[in-house]
Structure formats: structure tokens, C-alpha cells
């Protein structure tokens, strides 16, 4: 296997492991709390990279596009996290993996 194959395998394992980690996390805290902590941590980690970019931050079109993408992404995370309350991590991963077919 080449380097690209190993990186793809690592990405797949990391993606699959998140379902188990999220299920464990929502067993000890409410789903909305977990999602909030997850998004705040991600924002803190990515903020330095974003702020170094020279982007037209004042463009209303850019803000609306970002808000639209953010809303749909957040909705997906919320539904998936609540879904893990009612099914196994393996089933959730399988169903999510099937999303490319639809």
C-alpha cells in the first residue's frame, strides 16, 4: 500500500471512531451541550487559521453563504447526535455512509 492508501485508511478509521466517541460523550452529557462544546472547541482551533486569511469579511453575500452552510451542517450534526441516542454507533456510521447514494 502506498502513502495515499494509508492516509485514506487513517481518515476512514478516524471518521468511524467518532461515532463511538460521540455515543460515549452523550452518555455523560446532554446532546446539545456536547454539540456546543464540540463546535466551540473547533472554532477556537480554527480561528487562527481563518483570521490569517485575507478574505472580504464585510461582504454580505459571503456571510449569507457561510450562514446557510453552517445551518445545514449544524442540523446534520444535531440529527446525527440525537440519532445516536436511539441506535448503535455501527448503525449510525453505516447509515451516514449511505448518504452519498442519496
C-alpha atoms as a PDB file:
ATOM      1  CA  UNK A   1       0.000   0.000   0.000  1.00  0.00           C
ATOM      2  CA  UNK A   2       1.194   3.472  -0.882  1.00  0.00           C
ATOM      3  CA  UNK A   3       1.174   6.571   1.285  1.00  0.00           C
ATOM      4  CA  UNK A   4      -2.155   7.769  -0.144  1.00  0.00           C
ATOM      5  CA  UNK A   5      -3.776   4.442   0.737  1.00  0.00           C
ATOM      6  CA  UNK A   6      -2.547   4.686   4.331  1.00  0.00           C
ATOM      7  CA  UNK A   7      -3.796   8.253   4.680  1.00  0.00           C
ATOM      8  CA  UNK A   8      -7.188   7.218   3.293  1.00  0.00           C
ATOM      9  CA  UNK A   9      -7.310   4.291   5.716  1.00  0.00           C
ATOM     10  CA  UNK A  10      -6.395   6.573   8.625  1.00  0.00           C
ATOM     11  CA  UNK A  11      -9.107   9.077   7.636  1.00  0.00           C
ATOM     12  CA  UNK A  12     -11.669   6.271   7.453  1.00  0.00           C
ATOM     13  CA  UNK A  13     -10.704   4.899  10.867  1.00  0.00           C
ATOM     14  CA  UNK A  14     -10.821   8.386  12.414  1.00  0.00           C
ATOM     15  CA  UNK A  15     -14.235   9.073  10.847  1.00  0.00           C
ATOM     16  CA  UNK A  16     -15.609   5.731  12.034  1.00  0.00           C
ATOM     17  CA  UNK A  17     -14.230   6.173  15.550  1.00  0.00           C
ATOM     18  CA  UNK A  18     -16.075   9.458  16.002  1.00  0.00           C
ATOM     19  CA  UNK A  19     -19.405   7.638  16.172  1.00  0.00           C
ATOM     20  CA  UNK A  20     -18.252   5.621  19.177  1.00  0.00           C
ATOM     21  CA  UNK A  21     -16.708   8.689  20.821  1.00  0.00           C
ATOM     22  CA  UNK A  22     -19.844  10.774  20.311  1.00  0.00           C
ATOM     23  CA  UNK A  23     -22.041   7.998  21.674  1.00  0.00           C
ATOM     24  CA  UNK A  24     -19.846   7.755  24.778  1.00  0.00           C
ATOM     25  CA  UNK A  25     -19.894  11.539  25.206  1.00  0.00           C
ATOM     26  CA  UNK A  26     -23.676  11.879  25.008  1.00  0.00           C
ATOM     27  CA  UNK A  27     -23.995   9.161  27.632  1.00  0.00           C
ATOM     28  CA  UNK A  28     -22.452  11.566  30.167  1.00  0.00           C
ATOM     29  CA  UNK A  29     -23.756  14.949  28.932  1.00  0.00           C
ATOM     30  CA  UNK A  30     -26.819  16.208  27.071  1.00  0.00           C
ATOM     31  CA  UNK A  31     -26.523  16.153  23.271  1.00  0.00           C
ATOM     32  CA  UNK A  32     -26.903  19.931  22.824  1.00  0.00           C
ATOM     33  CA  UNK A  33     -24.216  20.555  25.446  1.00  0.00           C
ATOM     34  CA  UNK A  34     -21.871  18.157  23.675  1.00  0.00           C
ATOM     35  CA  UNK A  35     -22.547  19.738  20.282  1.00  0.00           C
ATOM     36  CA  UNK A  36     -21.964  23.202  21.735  1.00  0.00           C
ATOM     37  CA  UNK A  37     -18.667  22.170  23.310  1.00  0.00           C
ATOM     38  CA  UNK A  38     -17.618  20.458  20.083  1.00  0.00           C
ATOM     39  CA  UNK A  39     -18.351  23.491  17.901  1.00  0.00           C
ATOM     40  CA  UNK A  40     -16.771  25.965  20.334  1.00  0.00           C
ATOM     41  CA  UNK A  41     -13.602  23.848  20.517  1.00  0.00           C
ATOM     42  CA  UNK A  42     -13.494  23.633  16.715  1.00  0.00           C
ATOM     43  CA  UNK A  43     -13.986  27.405  16.392  1.00  0.00           C
ATOM     44  CA  UNK A  44     -11.151  28.094  18.826  1.00  0.00           C
ATOM     45  CA  UNK A  45      -8.819  25.729  16.983  1.00  0.00           C
ATOM     46  CA  UNK A  46      -9.595  27.014  13.501  1.00  0.00           C
ATOM     47  CA  UNK A  47      -9.885  30.752  14.314  1.00  0.00           C
ATOM     48  CA  UNK A  48      -6.135  31.483  13.997  1.00  0.00           C
ATOM     49  CA  UNK A  49      -6.045  29.894  10.540  1.00  0.00           C
ATOM     50  CA  UNK A  50      -9.113  31.756   9.333  1.00  0.00           C
ATOM     51  CA  UNK A  51      -8.043  35.116  10.724  1.00  0.00           C
ATOM     52  CA  UNK A  52      -4.713  34.919   8.870  1.00  0.00           C
ATOM     53  CA  UNK A  53      -6.539  34.712   5.531  1.00  0.00           C
ATOM     54  CA  UNK A  54      -7.240  37.913   3.648  1.00  0.00           C
ATOM     55  CA  UNK A  55     -10.920  37.487   2.853  1.00  0.00           C
ATOM     56  CA  UNK A  56     -13.555  40.147   2.264  1.00  0.00           C
ATOM     57  CA  UNK A  57     -15.255  39.614   5.645  1.00  0.00           C
ATOM     58  CA  UNK A  58     -17.645  42.504   5.139  1.00  0.00           C
ATOM     59  CA  UNK A  59     -19.326  41.014   2.102  1.00  0.00           C
ATOM     60  CA  UNK A  60     -22.991  40.284   2.944  1.00  0.00           C
ATOM     61  CA  UNK A  61     -23.058  37.634   0.229  1.00  0.00           C
ATOM     62  CA  UNK A  62     -20.198  35.792   1.949  1.00  0.00           C
ATOM     63  CA  UNK A  63     -21.926  35.996   5.349  1.00  0.00           C
ATOM     64  CA  UNK A  64     -25.210  34.641   3.952  1.00  0.00           C
ATOM     65  CA  UNK A  65     -23.435  31.806   2.162  1.00  0.00           C
ATOM     66  CA  UNK A  66     -21.496  30.901   5.302  1.00  0.00           C
ATOM     67  CA  UNK A  67     -24.602  31.077   7.473  1.00  0.00           C
ATOM     68  CA  UNK A  68     -26.517  28.858   5.062  1.00  0.00           C
ATOM     69  CA  UNK A  69     -23.807  26.214   5.009  1.00  0.00           C
ATOM     70  CA  UNK A  70     -23.432  26.471   8.790  1.00  0.00           C
ATOM     71  CA  UNK A  71     -27.138  25.967   9.418  1.00  0.00           C
ATOM     72  CA  UNK A  72     -27.332  22.847   7.258  1.00  0.00           C
ATOM     73  CA  UNK A  73     -24.124  21.426   8.727  1.00  0.00           C
ATOM     74  CA  UNK A  74     -25.330  22.107  12.266  1.00  0.00           C
ATOM     75  CA  UNK A  75     -28.671  20.483  11.536  1.00  0.00           C
ATOM     76  CA  UNK A  76     -26.870  17.389  10.272  1.00  0.00           C
ATOM     77  CA  UNK A  77     -24.705  17.184  13.400  1.00  0.00           C
ATOM     78  CA  UNK A  78     -27.711  17.701  15.674  1.00  0.00           C
ATOM     79  CA  UNK A  79     -29.795  15.000  13.987  1.00  0.00           C
ATOM     80  CA  UNK A  80     -26.898  12.575  13.884  1.00  0.00           C
ATOM     81  CA  UNK A  81     -26.044  13.146  17.548  1.00  0.00           C
ATOM     82  CA  UNK A  82     -29.633  12.677  18.674  1.00  0.00           C
ATOM     83  CA  UNK A  83     -29.862   9.605  16.444  1.00  0.00           C
ATOM     84  CA  UNK A  84     -27.007   8.052  18.409  1.00  0.00           C
ATOM     85  CA  UNK A  85     -29.278   8.100  21.467  1.00  0.00           C
ATOM     86  CA  UNK A  86     -31.519   5.553  19.752  1.00  0.00           C
ATOM     87  CA  UNK A  87     -29.190   3.311  17.752  1.00  0.00           C
ATOM     88  CA  UNK A  88     -25.710   1.836  17.815  1.00  0.00           C
ATOM     89  CA  UNK A  89     -22.604   3.616  16.590  1.00  0.00           C
ATOM     90  CA  UNK A  90     -22.178   0.948  13.904  1.00  0.00           C
ATOM     91  CA  UNK A  91     -25.669   1.532  12.502  1.00  0.00           C
ATOM     92  CA  UNK A  92     -25.238   5.304  12.609  1.00  0.00           C
ATOM     93  CA  UNK A  93     -21.950   5.058  10.727  1.00  0.00           C
ATOM     94  CA  UNK A  94     -23.492   2.732   8.159  1.00  0.00           C
ATOM     95  CA  UNK A  95     -26.498   4.993   7.589  1.00  0.00           C
ATOM     96  CA  UNK A  96     -24.289   8.077   7.344  1.00  0.00           C
ATOM     97  CA  UNK A  97     -22.016   6.278   4.906  1.00  0.00           C
ATOM     98  CA  UNK A  98     -25.029   5.553   2.709  1.00  0.00           C
ATOM     99  CA  UNK A  99     -25.807   9.266   2.422  1.00  0.00           C
ATOM    100  CA  UNK A 100     -23.635   9.536  -0.695  1.00  0.00           C
ATOM    101  CA  UNK A 101     -26.151   7.337  -2.503  1.00  0.00           C
ATOM    102  CA  UNK A 102     -28.966   9.800  -1.914  1.00  0.00           C
END
